[in-house]
């Protein structure tokens, strides 16, 4: 796997994890925005893989990664912490948790 493809899959994974975390926290609009960014990176990665080394496709992939990561800084709507408790309870009731999907921090 090329370094650029590794960057693409790493960026897409991080965006998907952000989407999952936002969904768990009741931030559905933000979650969909993260998923849209991840899909744009993965689409460019597929096109690059199919191009057999075409430099234009590789440049498009790098641009897609950079664009997606830049977009994270201006993502709308802003995170609304008031939605977290109800969303967490909803997902727990359904047996859905971040375990195994999101990194955990042990203090």
N, C-alpha and C. Protein backbone atom coordinates (compact mmCIF):
# COMPACT_ATOMS: atom_id res chain seq x y z
N UNK A 1 0.85 -1.18 0.00
CA UNK A 1 0.00 0.00 0.00
C UNK A 1 0.90 1.23 0.00
N UNK A 2 0.60 2.15 -0.89
CA UNK A 2 1.41 3.36 -0.97
C UNK A 2 1.14 4.26 0.24
N UNK A 3 2.08 5.15 0.49
CA UNK A 3 1.92 6.08 1.61
C UNK A 3 0.67 6.94 1.42
N UNK A 4 0.39 7.32 0.19
CA UNK A 4 -0.79 8.15 -0.08
C UNK A 4 -2.08 7.37 0.20
N UNK A 5 -2.12 6.10 -0.21
CA UNK A 5 -3.30 5.28 0.09
C UNK A 5 -3.45 5.06 1.58
N UNK A 6 -2.34 4.88 2.27
CA UNK A 6 -2.38 4.73 3.72
C UNK A 6 -2.92 6.00 4.37
N UNK A 7 -2.50 7.16 3.87
CA UNK A 7 -3.03 8.43 4.38
C UNK A 7 -4.53 8.53 4.13
N UNK A 8 -4.96 8.09 2.96
CA UNK A 8 -6.38 8.15 2.62
C UNK A 8 -7.21 7.25 3.54
N UNK A 9 -6.75 6.02 3.74
CA UNK A 9 -7.51 5.11 4.60
C UNK A 9 -7.48 5.58 6.05
N UNK A 10 -6.36 6.14 6.48
CA UNK A 10 -6.27 6.68 7.83
C UNK A 10 -7.21 7.86 8.03
N UNK A 11 -7.25 8.75 7.05
CA UNK A 11 -8.14 9.91 7.13
C UNK A 11 -9.60 9.46 7.12
N UNK A 12 -9.93 8.52 6.24
CA UNK A 12 -11.31 8.03 6.15
C UNK A 12 -11.72 7.33 7.45
N UNK A 13 -10.82 6.55 8.03
CA UNK A 13 -11.12 5.88 9.29
C UNK A 13 -11.39 6.91 10.38
N UNK A 14 -10.53 7.92 10.49
CA UNK A 14 -10.72 8.95 11.50
C UNK A 14 -12.04 9.69 11.30
N UNK A 15 -12.38 9.99 10.05
CA UNK A 15 -13.64 10.67 9.77
C UNK A 15 -14.83 9.80 10.13
N UNK A 16 -14.75 8.50 9.86
CA UNK A 16 -15.83 7.58 10.23
C UNK A 16 -15.96 7.47 11.75
N UNK A 17 -14.84 7.43 12.44
CA UNK A 17 -14.89 7.39 13.90
C UNK A 17 -15.50 8.67 14.45
N UNK A 18 -15.16 9.81 13.86
CA UNK A 18 -15.77 11.08 14.28
C UNK A 18 -17.27 11.05 14.02
N UNK A 19 -17.68 10.50 12.88
CA UNK A 19 -19.10 10.39 12.57
C UNK A 19 -19.81 9.53 13.62
N UNK A 20 -19.21 8.40 13.96
CA UNK A 20 -19.80 7.49 14.94
C UNK A 20 -19.93 8.18 16.29
N UNK A 21 -18.87 8.84 16.71
CA UNK A 21 -18.90 9.54 17.99
C UNK A 21 -19.94 10.65 18.01
N UNK A 22 -20.05 11.38 16.92
CA UNK A 22 -21.05 12.44 16.85
C UNK A 22 -22.46 11.85 16.87
N UNK A 23 -22.67 10.75 16.18
CA UNK A 23 -23.98 10.10 16.19
C UNK A 23 -24.31 9.63 17.61
N UNK A 24 -23.34 9.03 18.29
CA UNK A 24 -23.55 8.58 19.67
C UNK A 24 -23.91 9.75 20.58
N UNK A 25 -23.40 10.94 20.27
CA UNK A 25 -23.65 12.12 21.08
C UNK A 25 -24.84 12.95 20.64
N UNK A 26 -25.65 12.41 19.73
CA UNK A 26 -26.85 13.12 19.31
C UNK A 26 -26.62 14.19 18.26
N UNK A 27 -25.47 14.18 17.65
CA UNK A 27 -25.11 15.20 16.66
C UNK A 27 -25.27 14.65 15.25
N UNK A 28 -26.48 14.27 14.87
CA UNK A 28 -26.71 13.59 13.60
C UNK A 28 -26.24 14.40 12.40
N UNK A 29 -26.53 15.70 12.37
CA UNK A 29 -26.12 16.52 11.22
C UNK A 29 -24.60 16.52 11.07
N UNK A 30 -23.90 16.63 12.18
CA UNK A 30 -22.44 16.58 12.13
C UNK A 30 -21.95 15.20 11.69
N UNK A 31 -22.61 14.16 12.17
CA UNK A 31 -22.22 12.79 11.80
C UNK A 31 -22.33 12.60 10.29
N UNK A 32 -23.42 13.08 9.71
CA UNK A 32 -23.58 12.95 8.26
C UNK A 32 -22.54 13.76 7.51
N UNK A 33 -22.16 14.91 8.04
CA UNK A 33 -21.12 15.72 7.40
C UNK A 33 -19.78 14.98 7.42
N UNK A 34 -19.45 14.34 8.54
CA UNK A 34 -18.22 13.55 8.61
C UNK A 34 -18.27 12.37 7.63
N UNK A 35 -19.41 11.71 7.53
CA UNK A 35 -19.53 10.59 6.59
C UNK A 35 -19.38 11.06 5.15
N UNK A 36 -19.93 12.21 4.83
CA UNK A 36 -19.79 12.76 3.47
C UNK A 36 -18.32 13.00 3.15
N UNK A 37 -17.57 13.53 4.11
CA UNK A 37 -16.14 13.77 3.90
C UNK A 37 -15.39 12.44 3.72
N UNK A 38 -15.72 11.45 4.54
CA UNK A 38 -15.07 10.14 4.43
C UNK A 38 -15.35 9.52 3.07
N UNK A 39 -16.58 9.64 2.61
CA UNK A 39 -16.94 9.07 1.30
C UNK A 39 -16.17 9.76 0.19
N UNK A 40 -15.97 11.07 0.30
CA UNK A 40 -15.21 11.78 -0.74
C UNK A 40 -13.76 11.29 -0.79
N UNK A 41 -13.18 11.03 0.37
CA UNK A 41 -11.80 10.52 0.41
C UNK A 41 -11.75 9.10 -0.16
N UNK A 42 -12.69 8.25 0.23
CA UNK A 42 -12.69 6.87 -0.26
C UNK A 42 -12.97 6.80 -1.76
N UNK A 43 -13.82 7.67 -2.26
CA UNK A 43 -14.09 7.72 -3.70
C UNK A 43 -12.82 8.07 -4.46
N UNK A 44 -12.11 9.08 -3.98
CA UNK A 44 -10.85 9.47 -4.62
C UNK A 44 -9.82 8.35 -4.52
N UNK A 45 -9.81 7.63 -3.39
CA UNK A 45 -8.87 6.51 -3.23
C UNK A 45 -9.17 5.40 -4.23
N UNK A 46 -10.45 5.11 -4.43
CA UNK A 46 -10.82 4.10 -5.43
C UNK A 46 -10.39 4.52 -6.83
N UNK A 47 -10.63 5.77 -7.16
CA UNK A 47 -10.25 6.27 -8.49
C UNK A 47 -8.74 6.23 -8.67
N UNK A 48 -8.01 6.55 -7.61
CA UNK A 48 -6.55 6.50 -7.68
C UNK A 48 -6.07 5.06 -7.86
N UNK A 49 -6.67 4.14 -7.14
CA UNK A 49 -6.27 2.73 -7.24
C UNK A 49 -6.55 2.18 -8.64
N UNK A 50 -7.65 2.62 -9.22
CA UNK A 50 -8.02 2.15 -10.57
C UNK A 50 -7.19 2.80 -11.67
N UNK A 51 -6.47 3.87 -11.35
CA UNK A 51 -5.76 4.65 -12.37
C UNK A 51 -4.41 4.06 -12.75
N UNK A 52 -3.94 3.09 -12.00
CA UNK A 52 -2.65 2.43 -12.27
C UNK A 52 -1.49 3.42 -12.31
N UNK A 53 -1.43 4.26 -11.28
CA UNK A 53 -0.29 5.16 -11.16
C UNK A 53 -0.42 6.48 -11.88
N UNK A 54 -1.59 6.81 -12.39
CA UNK A 54 -1.80 8.10 -13.06
C UNK A 54 -1.59 9.22 -12.03
N UNK A 55 -0.65 10.08 -12.30
CA UNK A 55 -0.28 11.14 -11.37
C UNK A 55 -1.45 12.09 -11.10
N UNK A 56 -2.33 12.27 -12.08
CA UNK A 56 -3.49 13.15 -11.88
C UNK A 56 -4.44 12.57 -10.84
N UNK A 57 -4.63 11.27 -10.85
CA UNK A 57 -5.50 10.63 -9.86
C UNK A 57 -4.87 10.69 -8.47
N UNK A 58 -3.56 10.54 -8.41
CA UNK A 58 -2.87 10.65 -7.12
C UNK A 58 -2.98 12.07 -6.57
N UNK A 59 -2.84 13.07 -7.45
CA UNK A 59 -2.99 14.46 -7.02
C UNK A 59 -4.42 14.72 -6.55
N UNK A 60 -5.39 14.17 -7.26
CA UNK A 60 -6.79 14.32 -6.86
C UNK A 60 -7.04 13.68 -5.50
N UNK A 61 -6.39 12.55 -5.23
CA UNK A 61 -6.52 11.89 -3.93
C UNK A 61 -5.92 12.76 -2.84
N UNK A 62 -4.72 13.27 -3.07
CA UNK A 62 -4.10 14.15 -2.07
C UNK A 62 -4.98 15.37 -1.82
N UNK A 63 -5.52 15.95 -2.88
CA UNK A 63 -6.40 17.11 -2.74
C UNK A 63 -7.66 16.75 -1.95
N UNK A 64 -8.22 15.56 -2.19
CA UNK A 64 -9.42 15.12 -1.48
C UNK A 64 -9.13 14.94 0.01
N UNK A 65 -7.98 14.38 0.33
CA UNK A 65 -7.60 14.21 1.74
C UNK A 65 -7.44 15.58 2.40
N UNK A 66 -6.68 16.46 1.76
CA UNK A 66 -6.45 17.79 2.32
C UNK A 66 -7.75 18.56 2.48
N UNK A 67 -8.60 18.49 1.48
CA UNK A 67 -9.88 19.20 1.51
C UNK A 67 -10.77 18.69 2.64
N UNK A 68 -10.83 17.37 2.81
CA UNK A 68 -11.65 16.79 3.87
C UNK A 68 -11.14 17.19 5.24
N UNK A 69 -9.84 17.12 5.43
CA UNK A 69 -9.28 17.47 6.74
C UNK A 69 -9.44 18.96 7.03
N UNK A 70 -9.33 19.80 6.01
CA UNK A 70 -9.57 21.24 6.20
C UNK A 70 -11.03 21.52 6.53
N UNK A 71 -11.94 20.78 5.93
CA UNK A 71 -13.37 21.00 6.15
C UNK A 71 -13.78 20.68 7.58
N UNK A 72 -13.06 19.79 8.23
CA UNK A 72 -13.38 19.43 9.61
C UNK A 72 -13.33 20.67 10.52
N UNK A 73 -12.41 21.57 10.23
CA UNK A 73 -12.25 22.76 11.06
C UNK A 73 -13.43 23.72 10.98
N UNK A 74 -14.23 23.63 9.93
CA UNK A 74 -15.35 24.55 9.75
C UNK A 74 -16.68 23.81 9.68
N UNK A 75 -16.73 22.62 10.22
CA UNK A 75 -17.92 21.79 10.14
C UNK A 75 -19.09 22.45 10.86
N UNK A 76 -20.23 22.44 10.21
CA UNK A 76 -21.47 22.97 10.79
C UNK A 76 -22.51 21.86 10.84
N UNK A 77 -23.42 21.90 11.75
CA UNK A 77 -23.59 22.87 12.83
C UNK A 77 -22.59 22.60 13.95
N UNK A 78 -22.42 23.57 14.83
CA UNK A 78 -21.49 23.35 15.94
C UNK A 78 -21.98 22.23 16.86
N UNK A 79 -21.04 21.62 17.55
CA UNK A 79 -21.37 20.55 18.50
C UNK A 79 -22.27 21.11 19.59
N UNK A 80 -23.35 20.40 19.89
CA UNK A 80 -24.31 20.84 20.91
C UNK A 80 -24.30 19.84 22.06
N UNK A 81 -23.58 20.17 23.15
CA UNK A 81 -23.47 19.22 24.26
C UNK A 81 -24.80 18.92 24.95
N UNK A 82 -25.81 19.77 24.76
CA UNK A 82 -27.10 19.53 25.42
C UNK A 82 -27.81 18.29 24.86
N UNK A 83 -27.38 17.79 23.73
CA UNK A 83 -28.01 16.61 23.12
C UNK A 83 -27.40 15.29 23.59
N UNK A 84 -26.28 15.36 24.28
CA UNK A 84 -25.51 14.15 24.59
C UNK A 84 -26.22 13.17 25.51
N UNK A 85 -26.79 13.64 26.61
CA UNK A 85 -27.37 12.72 27.59
C UNK A 85 -28.51 11.90 27.00
N UNK A 86 -29.43 12.56 26.29
CA UNK A 86 -30.56 11.84 25.70
C UNK A 86 -30.08 10.84 24.64
N UNK A 87 -29.11 11.26 23.84
CA UNK A 87 -28.61 10.37 22.79
C UNK A 87 -27.89 9.17 23.38
N UNK A 88 -27.07 9.40 24.38
CA UNK A 88 -26.35 8.30 25.03
C UNK A 88 -27.33 7.29 25.61
N UNK A 89 -28.37 7.78 26.27
CA UNK A 89 -29.37 6.89 26.84
C UNK A 89 -30.10 6.11 25.75
N UNK A 90 -30.42 6.78 24.65
CA UNK A 90 -31.11 6.12 23.53
C UNK A 90 -30.27 4.98 22.97
N UNK A 91 -28.99 5.24 22.72
CA UNK A 91 -28.13 4.21 22.13
C UNK A 91 -27.86 3.08 23.12
N UNK A 92 -27.68 3.42 24.40
CA UNK A 92 -27.46 2.37 25.41
C UNK A 92 -28.68 1.45 25.50
N UNK A 93 -29.87 2.04 25.43
CA UNK A 93 -31.11 1.25 25.48
C UNK A 93 -31.17 0.27 24.30
N UNK A 94 -30.63 0.67 23.17
CA UNK A 94 -30.61 -0.19 21.98
C UNK A 94 -29.41 -1.14 21.95
N UNK A 95 -28.55 -1.04 22.97
CA UNK A 95 -27.38 -1.92 23.04
C UNK A 95 -26.23 -1.50 22.14
N UNK A 96 -26.24 -0.24 21.71
CA UNK A 96 -25.19 0.27 20.83
C UNK A 96 -24.22 1.08 21.67
N UNK A 97 -22.94 0.75 21.56
CA UNK A 97 -21.92 1.46 22.33
C UNK A 97 -20.72 1.75 21.45
N UNK A 98 -19.84 2.63 21.91
CA UNK A 98 -18.64 2.93 21.14
C UNK A 98 -17.53 1.89 21.32
N UNK A 99 -17.75 0.90 22.16
CA UNK A 99 -16.72 -0.11 22.44
C UNK A 99 -16.30 -0.81 21.15
N UNK A 100 -15.01 -0.84 20.92
CA UNK A 100 -14.47 -1.51 19.75
C UNK A 100 -14.49 -0.67 18.48
N UNK A 101 -15.14 0.49 18.54
CA UNK A 101 -15.22 1.36 17.37
C UNK A 101 -14.40 2.62 17.59
N UNK A 102 -14.55 3.18 18.77
CA UNK A 102 -13.85 4.42 19.09
C UNK A 102 -12.72 4.14 20.07
N UNK A 103 -11.63 4.86 19.93
CA UNK A 103 -10.54 4.71 20.90
C UNK A 103 -11.03 5.10 22.29
N UNK A 104 -10.52 4.42 23.30
CA UNK A 104 -10.90 4.77 24.66
C UNK A 104 -9.69 5.30 25.40
N UNK A 105 -9.97 6.15 26.36
CA UNK A 105 -8.92 6.73 27.18
C UNK A 105 -9.13 6.25 28.60
N UNK A 106 -8.11 5.67 29.19
CA UNK A 106 -8.17 5.23 30.57
C UNK A 106 -7.37 6.20 31.42
N UNK A 107 -8.02 6.72 32.42
CA UNK A 107 -7.34 7.68 33.31
C UNK A 107 -6.87 7.00 34.56
